[in-house]
Each structure stands twice: as C-alpha cells, then as structure tokens.
Amino acid sequence: MKKLVLGLCGALAFGLAAGPASAAIPGYGNIVNEPTYHPISMIGDPTSIARFGYVPAKNGYSRPNAEGTCNSPSLGVPSWTGTFKDGNSTYCYQMLGNAPSKKAAGVTLTTQVYAYVLTFSNGQVFDPTAINSKCDSVSPYTRLVDSPLYNSSPIVNGKVKLGSIQYEDAQMVGEWYKFVKADKEYAVNLADTGKPIKINLTVPSNEGKVVSISGFCDGGIGEVDLNWLASQISTTNWSASQVSVVLLWDVFQTESGSCCVLGYHFSYQDSTGANGVGSITAMSNPGIFGGSGAGITDIHATSHEFGEAINDPFGDNTVPEWGHIGQQSGCQNNLEVGDPLTGTVYGKGAGISLGGFTYHPQELVYFSWFTQTAKPYGKYGADDVYSMSGTFTTPAKFC
C-alpha cells in the first residue's frame, strides 16, 4: 500500500509594524488568473465574471529532486510536507499546520488584516472597517472575524459530523479524516490579531471606477486595476509569522478593464528574508454575483483564498492535470482546493448560520480529489467523498 511521507518545517517569528504602501507584491508579475468554465457573472452584467488567481513561487519544488526528497522551503508559520504517487509519477506538496496523525497537535495561525480603504474619483469610499447601514449592521471586517472562518460552528462533511469546528479547520480535518478522526487535538485554526491596519488609497480615474448596480444595497461597486492595486501593496513590514490578509469590501479587480478578480494568494519574503503567506480577497454583499444558493457573497471569496493558502501556500503543489470543471475551462495542475467548485456554497447552497447571520463559505475539495486514484487516497477524506459537502464523489479525471 502506498503511504504518505510526512515531515515538519520549523516556524520563525518576527515583529510586525505598519508601513507605507509603495512596492509591488514580490513575484506579482507571475500571477495566474484562471479562466471560467462555468461563468458566474455579475447580476445584470454577463460580461463581468467572478475569477480567482494565485502567484506561484519563483522556485518550484513540487517534484522530488535527484535524491528523491522534496525541496521544501521553510515558512514563518508551521508547515509540513508530503508526497503521493499517481501512476509512475511522485508529487511533493506542502501545507500549513502540522502533519495529520493520531497524535498531531493543533495549530492556530494568526492573521493580520490590512484593510484597504479605497476612495474613487466620484468621492465614494469603500472601507472594510466601516459600518454601512444600508448593507449591514456591522462592518465587513467584523463580519469576517465573527464568521465561521474564525469561530466554531457545527459542521458536517459528507455525512460525518465533525462537531463544533472552524470552517478551514473542517476542510483540513475532513480531507485527512483517516489519520485524525481519533485525534481530538488536531486542528488548523485561525485567530485574527483583532487590530486591522488601515491603508488609505485614492484610486486615479484611469485606474478604477464605481459601477452602479440596480437593486444593490449601496448602489454601486468599485472596480480597480489589478496591476495598479498590486503596485500599492508593500510587504516590507509584514511579518512571516502571521498570515497576511489584504481585505477589500465590494471592490473587485480588473484586467485590461475586464472584471472581476475576487482574490488571489501568494508567498513573499519579509524584511528578514523569511517566507510568508498572504492573500488579497474581497468581502461582498448579496445581489452582486450569482452562484449556488445566495451566490458569491460575504465570506465566499475569503474562504476560497484561505483554503488555498493553507493547502498550497507557495502556489506550486503540483498534481496530475485536471480541468473542464468549476472555473477551469482548460487544464490545471496544482492543488487549488477552491477552483474546482468556485461559486458552490457549502451545505448544498444553505451556508452556515452563526450568531443570527447566515454565512456562505465556498465548498472546498479534498486532497484526495487531485490524486485521480481511487485507492488508497479515496479513503482519506470524511465519508469517503472528495469535497466538504459531498458534491464530488469521485476523484478528478485526467485532463
């Protein structure tokens, strides 16, 4: 029987200080924005399509080296490496947390939110830390940290009750259920600093605009050029010991004027040279995008990016090619747990109710789905399914 080879990378700790936004995200020029196979469009505008992306690390390590081991770079947060075989090929991967086993300790990842407050040329301001009473009773940032991404709620993966658990933790427990079902300590939890760092930007008229949407709570959304926004993000004073989150609210990124990139994840190096993990993601209100159930709204995009940052922190966990599903019209060969089910809300569209509010995280797929081999990997996940709500009951097909 084929076995996983597991190993741990050490953690590093450094201080955090807020700094000016002045430099482009390192490696940003290599961003990959996936196409959309099943378009999830903006309501009333079929040309504006929800998309996601990632920035692969410059130095790939996802295949074993000449010595047969994986070149796994260290991260400032706990991580581990593993290998799997598919046919005659061996693949390496690296994930955040501790290696899953019956005796694995739990890990809590600290997130630092950088709330980007964007002011457009018409004077409209999109502030993730402010309450807009026309759209919600709390700020988007508060909605985020009050959500199942940071708080426990009863979660069922497939038909297996995982108990009261955080959402991204449920994805990790669910995908490694064979190894951790007897371990009550294993967890990959999130805890925010509780102190968002606000970055104020004025968007030039040639780099972004406000677009009116009929029936939407605030009357309009922001659109900003993806490359311009990246040039305003500086990682100089970020800490690799935390997961950095660039948070937008109802602002979506454009490429050559084409909307809408809702988020991407990336790795970077802090001022000491340590490798860190980050993402840029948009919280959004109902009535903008379609999708299953309530569509892409509230924490949907954030759950997508958090899940992928945890499962594929360097963006180059190579797997056998898959595609023609989810948002991928062609072929893709990395372990991006959100892309195959973009727009699919957890719980068959029902979402998760917590604190009197219904959240709509995206259903994420399991590691076993990417292996394209029913045995032995098909028995790794909870209920022997291949995604959190059981949408996928068979592994991916080779593209």
Protein backbone atom coordinates (compact mmCIF):
# COMPACT_ATOMS: atom_id res chain seq x y z
CA MET A 1 0.00 0.00 0.00
CA LYS A 2 1.27 3.46 -0.88
CA LYS A 3 1.96 5.71 2.08
CA LEU A 4 2.30 9.42 2.64
CA VAL A 5 5.73 10.65 3.60
CA LEU A 6 5.31 13.39 6.18
CA GLY A 7 7.71 15.98 7.58
CA LEU A 8 7.61 19.23 9.50
CA CYS A 9 9.17 22.58 8.71
CA GLY A 10 10.19 24.82 11.60
CA ALA A 11 8.45 28.08 12.44
CA LEU A 12 10.06 31.52 12.63
CA ALA A 13 8.79 34.57 14.50
CA PHE A 14 9.32 38.24 13.71
CA GLY A 15 7.75 41.54 14.76
CA LEU A 16 5.14 43.49 12.77
CA ALA A 17 5.00 47.18 12.02
CA ALA A 18 2.72 49.07 9.67
CA GLY A 19 4.44 50.78 6.77
CA PRO A 20 3.62 52.78 3.67
CA ALA A 21 2.25 51.04 0.59
CA SER A 22 4.92 51.59 -2.01
CA ALA A 23 6.10 48.44 -3.75
CA ALA A 24 4.57 45.72 -5.88
CA ILE A 25 3.99 42.28 -4.39
CA PRO A 26 7.18 40.26 -4.97
CA GLY A 27 6.68 37.84 -7.86
CA TYR A 28 3.41 39.51 -8.77
CA GLY A 29 4.23 39.56 -12.45
CA ASN A 30 3.75 35.79 -12.45
CA ILE A 31 0.15 35.89 -11.27
CA VAL A 32 -2.07 33.25 -12.83
CA ASN A 33 -5.73 34.15 -13.24
CA GLU A 34 -7.77 31.09 -14.05
CA PRO A 35 -10.38 31.23 -16.83
CA THR A 36 -14.01 30.48 -16.10
CA TYR A 37 -15.54 27.31 -17.49
CA HIS A 38 -18.95 27.76 -15.88
CA PRO A 39 -19.26 31.56 -15.73
CA ILE A 40 -20.54 33.11 -12.51
CA SER A 41 -21.40 36.57 -13.66
CA MET A 42 -22.35 39.80 -12.01
CA ILE A 43 -26.12 40.07 -11.79
CA GLY A 44 -27.34 42.06 -14.77
CA ASP A 45 -23.90 42.08 -16.44
CA PRO A 46 -22.90 38.76 -18.06
CA THR A 47 -19.56 40.24 -19.18
CA SER A 48 -18.32 40.67 -15.59
CA ILE A 49 -17.18 37.22 -14.44
CA ALA A 50 -16.02 36.18 -10.95
CA ARG A 51 -12.47 34.82 -11.12
CA PHE A 52 -9.65 33.93 -8.75
CA GLY A 53 -5.89 33.59 -9.09
CA TYR A 54 -2.62 32.71 -7.44
CA VAL A 55 1.04 33.70 -7.63
CA PRO A 56 3.25 30.60 -7.98
CA ALA A 57 6.59 30.68 -6.22
CA LYS A 58 9.53 31.52 -8.46
CA ASN A 59 11.47 28.41 -7.46
CA GLY A 60 9.23 25.36 -7.77
CA TYR A 61 9.88 22.37 -5.55
CA SER A 62 6.82 20.23 -6.18
CA ARG A 63 8.67 17.29 -7.75
CA PRO A 64 11.32 15.27 -5.86
CA ASN A 65 14.92 16.24 -6.50
CA ALA A 66 17.68 13.88 -7.68
CA GLU A 67 17.95 12.45 -4.17
CA GLY A 68 14.24 11.64 -4.15
CA THR A 69 13.35 14.21 -1.48
CA CYS A 70 11.27 17.37 -1.67
CA ASN A 71 12.93 20.78 -1.69
CA SER A 72 10.54 22.34 0.78
CA PRO A 73 11.37 25.92 1.78
CA SER A 74 10.72 26.94 5.35
CA LEU A 75 7.83 29.20 6.28
CA GLY A 76 7.32 31.62 9.14
CA VAL A 77 4.23 29.65 10.19
CA PRO A 78 4.10 25.90 10.92
CA SER A 79 4.03 23.72 7.80
CA TRP A 80 4.64 20.14 6.75
CA THR A 81 5.43 18.24 3.56
CA GLY A 82 4.19 15.05 2.00
CA THR A 83 4.39 13.03 -1.20
CA PHE A 84 1.95 10.93 -3.16
CA LYS A 85 2.19 8.72 -6.22
CA ASP A 86 -0.06 8.72 -9.24
CA GLY A 87 0.93 6.21 -11.88
CA ASN A 88 4.70 6.41 -12.29
CA SER A 89 4.95 9.98 -11.02
CA THR A 90 5.71 11.13 -7.48
CA TYR A 91 4.44 14.53 -6.35
CA CYS A 92 5.52 16.71 -3.43
CA TYR A 93 3.26 19.10 -1.56
CA GLN A 94 3.48 21.46 1.40
CA MET A 95 0.62 22.61 3.65
CA LEU A 96 0.18 24.81 6.69
CA GLY A 97 -0.35 23.28 10.13
CA ASN A 98 1.04 20.01 11.48
CA ALA A 99 1.24 16.71 9.65
CA PRO A 100 -2.04 14.82 10.24
CA SER A 101 -1.74 11.81 12.52
CA LYS A 102 -3.39 10.25 15.56
CA LYS A 103 -1.10 12.30 17.82
CA ALA A 104 -0.75 15.55 15.88
CA ALA A 105 -1.01 18.74 17.92
CA GLY A 106 -3.33 21.53 16.88
CA VAL A 107 -2.03 24.72 15.28
CA THR A 108 -3.50 28.22 15.39
CA LEU A 109 -2.48 30.56 12.57
CA THR A 110 -2.56 34.27 13.38
CA THR A 111 -3.92 36.51 10.64
CA GLN A 112 -3.15 40.18 10.24
CA VAL A 113 -5.73 42.07 8.21
CA TYR A 114 -4.67 45.06 6.13
CA ALA A 115 -7.92 46.89 5.39
CA TYR A 116 -7.54 48.81 2.15
CA VAL A 117 -9.80 51.86 2.16
CA LEU A 118 -10.30 52.91 -1.44
CA THR A 119 -11.62 56.34 -2.45
CA PHE A 120 -12.71 56.69 -6.06
CA SER A 121 -12.78 59.81 -8.23
CA ASN A 122 -16.52 60.33 -7.65
CA GLY A 123 -15.81 60.59 -3.90
CA GLN A 124 -17.27 57.20 -2.95
CA VAL A 125 -15.32 55.39 -0.24
CA PHE A 126 -15.16 51.61 0.26
CA ASP A 127 -13.93 50.97 3.81
CA PRO A 128 -13.81 47.36 5.13
CA THR A 129 -13.71 48.66 8.72
CA ALA A 130 -16.72 51.00 8.49
CA ILE A 131 -20.40 50.20 9.03
CA ASN A 132 -22.59 50.90 6.02
CA SER A 133 -26.10 50.74 7.47
CA LYS A 134 -27.59 50.33 4.01
CA CYS A 135 -25.81 46.97 3.66
CA ASP A 136 -25.20 45.51 7.13
CA SER A 137 -25.35 46.24 10.86
CA VAL A 138 -21.60 45.62 11.31
CA SER A 139 -18.51 46.39 9.28
CA PRO A 140 -17.22 43.88 6.69
CA TYR A 141 -14.14 43.30 8.88
CA THR A 142 -16.33 42.50 11.90
CA ARG A 143 -18.48 40.24 9.72
CA LEU A 144 -15.30 38.41 8.70
CA VAL A 145 -13.90 37.83 12.19
CA ASP A 146 -17.37 36.92 13.52
CA SER A 147 -17.77 34.31 10.78
CA PRO A 148 -17.23 30.52 10.82
CA LEU A 149 -13.75 31.16 9.45
CA TYR A 150 -12.72 32.26 12.94
CA ASN A 151 -15.43 30.77 15.16
CA SER A 152 -16.64 27.25 15.78
CA SER A 153 -19.96 26.02 14.47
CA PRO A 154 -21.45 22.54 13.90
CA ILE A 155 -20.11 21.27 10.58
CA VAL A 156 -20.89 18.09 8.70
CA ASN A 157 -18.52 16.94 5.94
CA GLY A 158 -20.27 14.46 3.70
CA LYS A 159 -22.29 12.55 6.27
CA VAL A 160 -19.64 12.77 9.00
CA LYS A 161 -20.34 15.11 11.90
CA LEU A 162 -17.10 16.88 12.74
CA GLY A 163 -18.57 18.64 15.75
CA SER A 164 -18.23 22.34 16.54
CA ILE A 165 -15.26 23.47 14.50
CA GLN A 166 -13.89 26.35 12.41
CA TYR A 167 -14.54 26.18 8.68
CA GLU A 168 -10.97 25.91 7.33
CA ASP A 169 -10.17 23.51 10.14
CA ALA A 170 -13.14 21.41 8.99
CA GLN A 171 -11.68 21.27 5.49
CA MET A 172 -8.33 20.03 6.82
CA VAL A 173 -9.86 17.56 9.26
CA GLY A 174 -12.22 16.37 6.54
CA GLU A 175 -9.54 15.80 3.92
CA TRP A 176 -7.23 13.95 6.35
CA TYR A 177 -10.02 12.24 8.28
CA LYS A 178 -8.46 8.77 8.03
CA PHE A 179 -5.45 10.00 10.02
CA VAL A 180 -7.03 12.40 12.52
CA LYS A 181 -10.51 11.05 13.30
CA ALA A 182 -9.19 9.61 16.57
CA ASP A 183 -7.19 12.75 17.38
CA LYS A 184 -9.25 15.35 19.24
CA GLU A 185 -6.29 17.76 19.36
CA TYR A 186 -5.54 18.05 15.65
CA ALA A 187 -6.65 21.39 14.22
CA VAL A 188 -5.66 24.16 11.84
CA ASN A 189 -7.42 27.15 13.37
CA LEU A 190 -7.35 30.87 12.62
CA ALA A 191 -7.12 33.74 15.10
CA ASP A 192 -7.01 37.34 13.95
CA THR A 193 -4.97 39.98 15.76
CA GLY A 194 -8.17 41.99 16.20
CA LYS A 195 -6.34 45.13 15.07
CA PRO A 196 -6.81 45.72 11.34
CA ILE A 197 -4.24 48.04 9.81
CA LYS A 198 -5.96 50.59 7.57
CA ILE A 199 -4.31 51.62 4.31
CA ASN A 200 -5.93 54.63 2.61
CA LEU A 201 -5.67 54.84 -1.18
CA THR A 202 -7.14 57.27 -3.69
CA VAL A 203 -7.82 55.48 -6.97
CA PRO A 204 -6.93 57.55 -10.05
CA SER A 205 -9.79 57.80 -12.54
CA ASN A 206 -7.78 55.90 -15.15
CA GLU A 207 -7.15 53.01 -12.70
CA GLY A 208 -10.66 52.40 -11.40
CA LYS A 209 -14.26 53.48 -11.20
CA VAL A 210 -17.58 52.98 -9.41
CA VAL A 211 -20.14 50.90 -11.30
CA SER A 212 -23.85 51.23 -10.49
CA ILE A 213 -25.84 48.05 -9.85
CA SER A 214 -29.62 48.10 -9.78
CA GLY A 215 -31.08 46.78 -6.53
CA PHE A 216 -27.73 46.51 -4.76
CA CYS A 217 -27.68 47.84 -1.19
CA ASP A 218 -25.05 50.56 -1.72
CA GLY A 219 -25.95 51.40 -5.29
CA GLY A 220 -22.54 50.65 -6.75
CA ILE A 221 -19.34 48.61 -6.51
CA GLY A 222 -15.73 49.59 -7.01
CA GLU A 223 -13.57 48.29 -9.84
CA VAL A 224 -9.81 48.77 -9.65
CA ASP A 225 -6.99 47.74 -11.97
CA LEU A 226 -5.28 44.64 -10.65
CA ASN A 227 -1.75 45.75 -11.54
CA TRP A 228 -2.19 49.24 -10.11
CA LEU A 229 -3.51 47.87 -6.82
CA ALA A 230 -0.63 45.42 -6.57
CA SER A 231 1.80 48.28 -7.03
CA GLN A 232 0.30 49.93 -3.94
CA ILE A 233 0.83 46.89 -1.71
CA SER A 234 4.07 46.67 0.22
CA THR A 235 5.15 43.56 2.12
CA THR A 236 8.20 45.30 3.60
CA ASN A 237 6.80 45.47 7.12
CA TRP A 238 4.71 42.33 7.04
CA SER A 239 5.61 39.50 9.41
CA ALA A 240 6.15 35.98 8.08
CA SER A 241 4.97 34.62 11.44
CA GLN A 242 1.43 35.72 10.53
CA VAL A 243 -0.82 35.09 7.55
CA SER A 244 -1.31 38.49 5.92
CA VAL A 245 -4.72 39.38 4.50
CA VAL A 246 -5.34 42.36 2.20
CA LEU A 247 -9.05 42.96 2.69
CA LEU A 248 -11.32 44.78 0.24
CA TRP A 249 -15.04 45.46 0.51
CA ASP A 250 -17.26 45.39 -2.58
CA VAL A 251 -14.23 46.30 -4.69
CA PHE A 252 -13.16 43.89 -7.41
CA GLN A 253 -10.03 43.84 -9.55
CA THR A 254 -9.95 44.21 -13.33
CA GLU A 255 -7.53 43.07 -16.03
CA SER A 256 -7.38 45.37 -19.05
CA GLY A 257 -10.74 46.69 -17.93
CA SER A 258 -12.31 43.23 -17.63
CA CYS A 259 -13.93 42.49 -14.25
CA CYS A 260 -13.80 40.68 -11.79
CA VAL A 261 -10.90 39.08 -9.90
CA LEU A 262 -12.17 38.48 -6.35
CA GLY A 263 -8.86 37.39 -4.88
CA TYR A 264 -5.59 35.53 -5.12
CA HIS A 265 -2.99 34.12 -2.73
CA PHE A 266 0.77 34.36 -2.81
CA SER A 267 4.01 33.83 -0.91
CA TYR A 268 6.50 36.59 -0.19
CA GLN A 269 9.65 37.30 1.79
CA ASP A 270 9.61 39.69 4.72
CA SER A 271 12.40 42.12 5.55
CA THR A 272 14.45 39.35 7.17
CA GLY A 273 14.18 37.03 4.18
CA ALA A 274 11.71 34.69 5.84
CA ASN A 275 8.96 33.21 3.64
CA GLY A 276 5.44 34.35 4.43
CA VAL A 277 1.95 33.64 3.11
CA GLY A 278 -0.62 36.23 2.09
CA SER A 279 -3.82 36.77 0.16
CA ILE A 280 -5.93 39.56 -1.22
CA THR A 281 -9.66 38.99 -1.00
CA ALA A 282 -12.93 40.86 -1.32
CA MET A 283 -15.80 40.67 1.14
CA SER A 284 -19.01 41.28 -0.77
CA ASN A 285 -22.69 41.92 -0.18
CA PRO A 286 -25.64 39.99 -1.67
CA GLY A 287 -27.00 40.99 -5.03
CA ILE A 288 -23.70 41.27 -6.91
CA PHE A 289 -22.80 37.77 -8.14
CA GLY A 290 -24.77 34.62 -8.87
CA GLY A 291 -23.82 31.07 -7.88
CA SER A 292 -25.49 28.34 -5.85
CA GLY A 293 -27.88 29.44 -3.11
CA ALA A 294 -27.26 33.10 -2.29
CA GLY A 295 -24.33 33.19 -4.71
CA ILE A 296 -20.89 34.63 -4.06
CA THR A 297 -21.39 36.83 -1.03
CA ASP A 298 -19.94 37.68 2.43
CA ILE A 299 -17.05 35.23 3.16
CA HIS A 300 -17.28 33.17 -0.04
CA ALA A 301 -14.16 34.60 -1.70
CA THR A 302 -12.25 34.74 1.59
CA SER A 303 -12.94 31.07 2.36
CA HIS A 304 -11.71 30.23 -1.15
CA GLU A 305 -8.41 32.07 -0.65
CA PHE A 306 -7.83 30.97 2.95
CA GLY A 307 -8.36 27.33 1.95
CA GLU A 308 -5.92 27.61 -0.94
CA ALA A 309 -3.29 29.46 1.10
CA ILE A 310 -3.38 26.67 3.70
CA ASN A 311 -3.34 23.81 1.19
CA ASP A 312 -1.00 25.36 -1.40
CA PRO A 313 0.97 28.17 0.30
CA PHE A 314 3.54 28.57 -2.49
CA GLY A 315 1.04 28.04 -5.31
CA ASP A 316 3.05 25.19 -6.81
CA ASN A 317 1.87 21.99 -5.15
CA THR A 318 1.84 20.08 -8.44
CA VAL A 319 -0.78 17.38 -9.08
CA PRO A 320 -1.87 15.44 -12.17
CA GLU A 321 -3.61 17.74 -14.64
CA TRP A 322 -7.32 18.29 -14.11
CA GLY A 323 -9.79 20.64 -15.75
CA HIS A 324 -13.01 21.31 -17.65
CA ILE A 325 -14.76 21.80 -14.34
CA GLY A 326 -15.51 24.64 -11.93
CA GLN A 327 -13.78 27.79 -13.13
CA GLN A 328 -11.17 25.95 -15.22
CA SER A 329 -12.03 25.67 -18.92
CA GLY A 330 -8.63 24.23 -19.78
CA CYS A 331 -6.19 22.14 -17.77
CA GLN A 332 -4.60 22.97 -14.42
CA ASN A 333 -2.02 21.05 -12.42
CA ASN A 334 -1.84 22.50 -8.92
CA LEU A 335 -3.59 21.75 -5.65
CA GLU A 336 -6.01 24.69 -5.56
CA VAL A 337 -8.86 23.46 -3.36
CA GLY A 338 -11.25 26.27 -4.32
CA ASP A 339 -11.07 26.39 -8.11
CA PRO A 340 -12.96 23.18 -8.96
CA LEU A 341 -16.04 24.36 -7.02
CA THR A 342 -15.96 28.14 -7.48
CA GLY A 343 -19.41 29.56 -6.70
CA THR A 344 -20.63 26.43 -4.88
CA VAL A 345 -21.82 27.36 -1.39
CA TYR A 346 -21.17 24.91 1.45
CA GLY A 347 -24.13 22.78 2.54
CA LYS A 348 -25.67 22.45 -0.93
CA GLY A 349 -26.14 26.22 -1.00
CA ALA A 350 -27.51 26.57 2.54
CA GLY A 351 -24.37 28.04 4.11
CA ILE A 352 -23.75 28.19 7.86
CA SER A 353 -25.84 30.10 10.42
CA LEU A 354 -23.89 31.65 13.27
CA GLY A 355 -24.79 34.49 15.62
CA GLY A 356 -28.05 35.23 13.84
CA PHE A 357 -26.41 35.61 10.41
CA THR A 358 -26.16 33.11 7.56
CA TYR A 359 -22.68 32.94 6.04
CA HIS A 360 -21.93 31.49 2.62
CA PRO A 361 -18.44 29.94 2.55
CA GLN A 362 -17.44 28.09 -0.58
CA GLU A 363 -17.38 24.31 -0.58
CA LEU A 364 -13.75 23.21 -0.86
CA VAL A 365 -12.38 19.99 -2.32
CA TYR A 366 -10.13 17.46 -0.59
CA PHE A 367 -6.54 16.49 -1.33
CA SER A 368 -7.74 13.05 -2.45
CA TRP A 369 -9.69 14.54 -5.37
CA PHE A 370 -6.49 15.69 -7.08
CA THR A 371 -4.77 12.30 -6.92
CA GLN A 372 -7.09 10.80 -9.57
CA THR A 373 -6.57 7.43 -7.91
CA ALA A 374 -9.44 5.81 -6.01
CA LYS A 375 -7.12 3.65 -3.89
CA PRO A 376 -5.65 4.25 -1.41
CA TYR A 377 -6.25 8.01 -1.36
CA GLY A 378 -10.01 7.78 -1.83
CA LYS A 379 -10.34 6.59 1.76
CA TYR A 380 -8.54 9.63 3.20
CA GLY A 381 -11.50 12.01 3.32
CA ALA A 382 -14.51 12.09 5.63
CA ASP A 383 -17.33 9.84 4.40
CA ASP A 384 -15.02 8.70 1.54
CA VAL A 385 -16.12 11.72 -0.52
CA TYR A 386 -13.89 14.23 -2.26
CA SER A 387 -15.28 17.60 -1.13
CA MET A 388 -16.71 19.13 2.03
CA SER A 389 -20.42 18.84 1.17
CA GLY A 390 -20.02 15.68 -0.88
CA THR A 391 -20.51 17.35 -4.26
CA PHE A 392 -17.56 15.34 -5.58
CA THR A 393 -17.94 11.58 -5.04
CA THR A 394 -15.18 10.51 -7.44
CA PRO A 395 -11.62 11.79 -8.00
CA ALA A 396 -10.66 14.18 -10.77
CA LYS A 397 -10.30 12.92 -14.32
CA PHE A 398 -7.02 13.46 -16.10
CA CYS A 399 -7.20 16.48 -18.38
